[in-house]
Amino acid sequence: MKPFIIIILMLNSVAIIAQQKTISRKELLKTAIDQSVKSAEIQEITMVAGLAAPKHVHPCPVVGIIKSGEAVFQIEGQESVLLREGDAFYEPKNTTILHFDNASAEKPLIFTAIYLKEGNEENIKFIK
């Protein structure tokens, strides 16, 4: 019976080592959130080729990741950046977003946005 238990333990060890070699982690974004989060709303958003989002603010913090395409992203007071497929982003609450634009004139931009909510605030407010 003891040899059987030893073999089982060895097989478990091999399985754990194999899992550790097949799972990798890549940090995409690390940021402080300036509020308590009571709920999250996750949306996949598609923007047609060449579309520029209007100037806007989010009443809650937003984190997200570019699924496909490229976006020109600019927070007021900061330089614009080009977000590519796999890049993560953070939009602070109540901060003007000057650009979240599809950088391509041919391809759609698809991204996932996660709205981190304290209550029942709206996801977005457009600035006229």
Protein backbone atom coordinates (compact mmCIF):
# COMPACT_ATOMS: atom_id res chain seq x y z
CA MET A 1 0.00 0.00 0.00
CA LYS A 2 2.83 2.45 0.81
CA PRO A 3 4.41 2.19 -2.68
CA PHE A 4 0.99 3.01 -4.19
CA ILE A 5 0.66 6.15 -2.03
CA ILE A 6 4.20 7.23 -2.93
CA ILE A 7 3.42 6.81 -6.65
CA ILE A 8 0.21 8.87 -6.30
CA LEU A 9 2.11 11.64 -4.48
CA MET A 10 4.81 11.64 -7.16
CA LEU A 11 2.21 11.85 -9.93
CA ASN A 12 0.51 14.77 -8.16
CA SER A 13 3.88 16.55 -7.91
CA VAL A 14 4.52 16.01 -11.63
CA ALA A 15 1.04 17.35 -12.47
CA ILE A 16 1.58 20.47 -10.35
CA ILE A 17 4.97 21.13 -11.95
CA ALA A 18 3.44 20.66 -15.43
CA GLN A 19 0.66 23.15 -14.63
CA GLN A 20 3.17 25.72 -13.42
CA LYS A 21 5.00 25.44 -16.75
CA THR A 22 1.81 25.84 -18.84
CA ILE A 23 0.34 28.85 -17.04
CA SER A 24 2.03 32.21 -17.42
CA ARG A 25 1.03 35.62 -16.16
CA LYS A 26 1.76 38.99 -17.75
CA GLU A 27 0.97 42.15 -15.84
CA LEU A 28 -1.04 44.48 -18.08
CA LEU A 29 -2.04 47.26 -15.70
CA LYS A 30 -1.50 48.19 -12.08
CA THR A 31 -3.31 51.26 -10.78
CA ALA A 32 -4.88 52.65 -7.63
CA ILE A 33 -8.67 53.08 -7.67
CA ASP A 34 -9.88 56.17 -5.81
CA GLN A 35 -13.11 54.71 -4.41
CA SER A 36 -14.63 51.61 -2.92
CA VAL A 37 -16.04 49.26 -5.55
CA LYS A 38 -19.41 47.69 -4.83
CA SER A 39 -20.12 46.32 -8.32
CA ALA A 40 -18.63 46.02 -11.78
CA GLU A 41 -20.23 46.23 -15.20
CA ILE A 42 -18.33 44.67 -18.10
CA GLN A 43 -19.05 45.59 -21.72
CA GLU A 44 -17.51 44.66 -25.04
CA ILE A 45 -17.56 47.77 -27.21
CA THR A 46 -17.08 47.90 -30.98
CA MET A 47 -16.26 51.14 -32.77
CA VAL A 48 -16.48 51.25 -36.56
CA ALA A 49 -13.43 52.18 -38.62
CA GLY A 50 -12.36 55.80 -38.23
CA LEU A 51 -14.81 56.63 -35.43
CA ALA A 52 -13.69 59.15 -32.80
CA ALA A 53 -15.45 59.07 -29.44
CA PRO A 54 -16.78 62.42 -28.24
CA LYS A 55 -15.03 64.13 -25.34
CA HIS A 56 -16.39 62.47 -22.19
CA VAL A 57 -16.04 61.65 -18.48
CA HIS A 58 -16.85 58.53 -16.51
CA PRO A 59 -18.57 58.97 -13.13
CA CYS A 60 -16.80 55.75 -12.10
CA PRO A 61 -13.28 54.42 -12.77
CA VAL A 62 -12.95 52.32 -15.93
CA VAL A 63 -10.33 49.71 -16.72
CA GLY A 64 -10.19 47.85 -19.99
CA ILE A 65 -8.25 45.97 -22.60
CA ILE A 66 -8.01 46.29 -26.36
CA LYS A 67 -9.29 43.07 -27.95
CA SER A 68 -8.52 44.01 -31.57
CA GLY A 69 -7.55 47.10 -33.48
CA GLU A 70 -5.82 50.23 -32.20
CA ALA A 71 -7.06 53.25 -30.25
CA VAL A 72 -5.74 56.77 -29.85
CA PHE A 73 -6.21 57.41 -26.13
CA GLN A 74 -5.73 60.73 -24.34
CA ILE A 75 -6.64 61.87 -20.85
CA GLU A 76 -6.81 65.65 -20.41
CA GLY A 77 -3.42 67.01 -19.35
CA GLN A 78 -1.53 63.96 -20.64
CA GLU A 79 0.07 62.98 -23.93
CA SER A 80 -1.95 60.81 -26.30
CA VAL A 81 -0.91 57.17 -26.58
CA LEU A 82 -1.61 54.46 -29.12
CA LEU A 83 -3.22 51.40 -27.54
CA ARG A 84 -2.73 48.17 -29.47
CA GLU A 85 -4.32 44.73 -29.22
CA GLY A 86 -3.67 43.34 -25.74
CA ASP A 87 -2.92 46.74 -24.15
CA ALA A 88 -4.77 47.67 -20.96
CA PHE A 89 -6.00 51.13 -20.05
CA TYR A 90 -7.39 53.07 -17.08
CA GLU A 91 -9.79 56.00 -17.22
CA PRO A 92 -10.05 57.75 -13.83
CA LYS A 93 -13.50 58.83 -12.68
CA ASN A 94 -14.61 62.42 -13.33
CA THR A 95 -11.60 63.08 -15.55
CA THR A 96 -12.01 64.34 -19.11
CA ILE A 97 -11.12 61.85 -21.80
CA LEU A 98 -10.15 63.88 -24.86
CA HIS A 99 -9.64 60.91 -27.20
CA PHE A 100 -10.64 57.29 -27.33
CA ASP A 101 -10.63 57.01 -31.10
CA ASN A 102 -10.37 54.14 -33.54
CA ALA A 103 -6.94 54.68 -35.10
CA SER A 104 -7.80 52.68 -38.22
CA ALA A 105 -9.71 53.93 -41.24
CA GLU A 106 -10.34 50.31 -42.33
CA LYS A 107 -10.81 48.06 -39.28
CA PRO A 108 -13.17 48.15 -36.29
CA LEU A 109 -11.82 48.69 -32.78
CA ILE A 110 -13.05 46.16 -30.21
CA PHE A 111 -12.32 46.54 -26.52
CA THR A 112 -13.61 45.39 -23.15
CA ALA A 113 -14.49 48.09 -20.62
CA ILE A 114 -14.99 47.32 -16.92
CA TYR A 115 -16.92 50.00 -15.03
CA LEU A 116 -16.05 49.90 -11.32
CA LYS A 117 -19.11 51.23 -9.54
CA GLU A 118 -19.64 52.54 -6.04
CA GLY A 119 -23.41 52.86 -6.51
CA ASN A 120 -25.73 53.23 -9.49
CA GLU A 121 -23.77 55.93 -11.34
CA GLU A 122 -23.90 56.16 -15.11
CA ASN A 123 -21.13 54.61 -17.23
CA ILE A 124 -20.38 57.70 -19.31
CA LYS A 125 -21.28 61.37 -19.74
CA PHE A 126 -20.53 63.15 -23.01
CA ILE A 127 -19.15 66.69 -22.91
CA LYS A 128 -20.61 69.11 -25.44
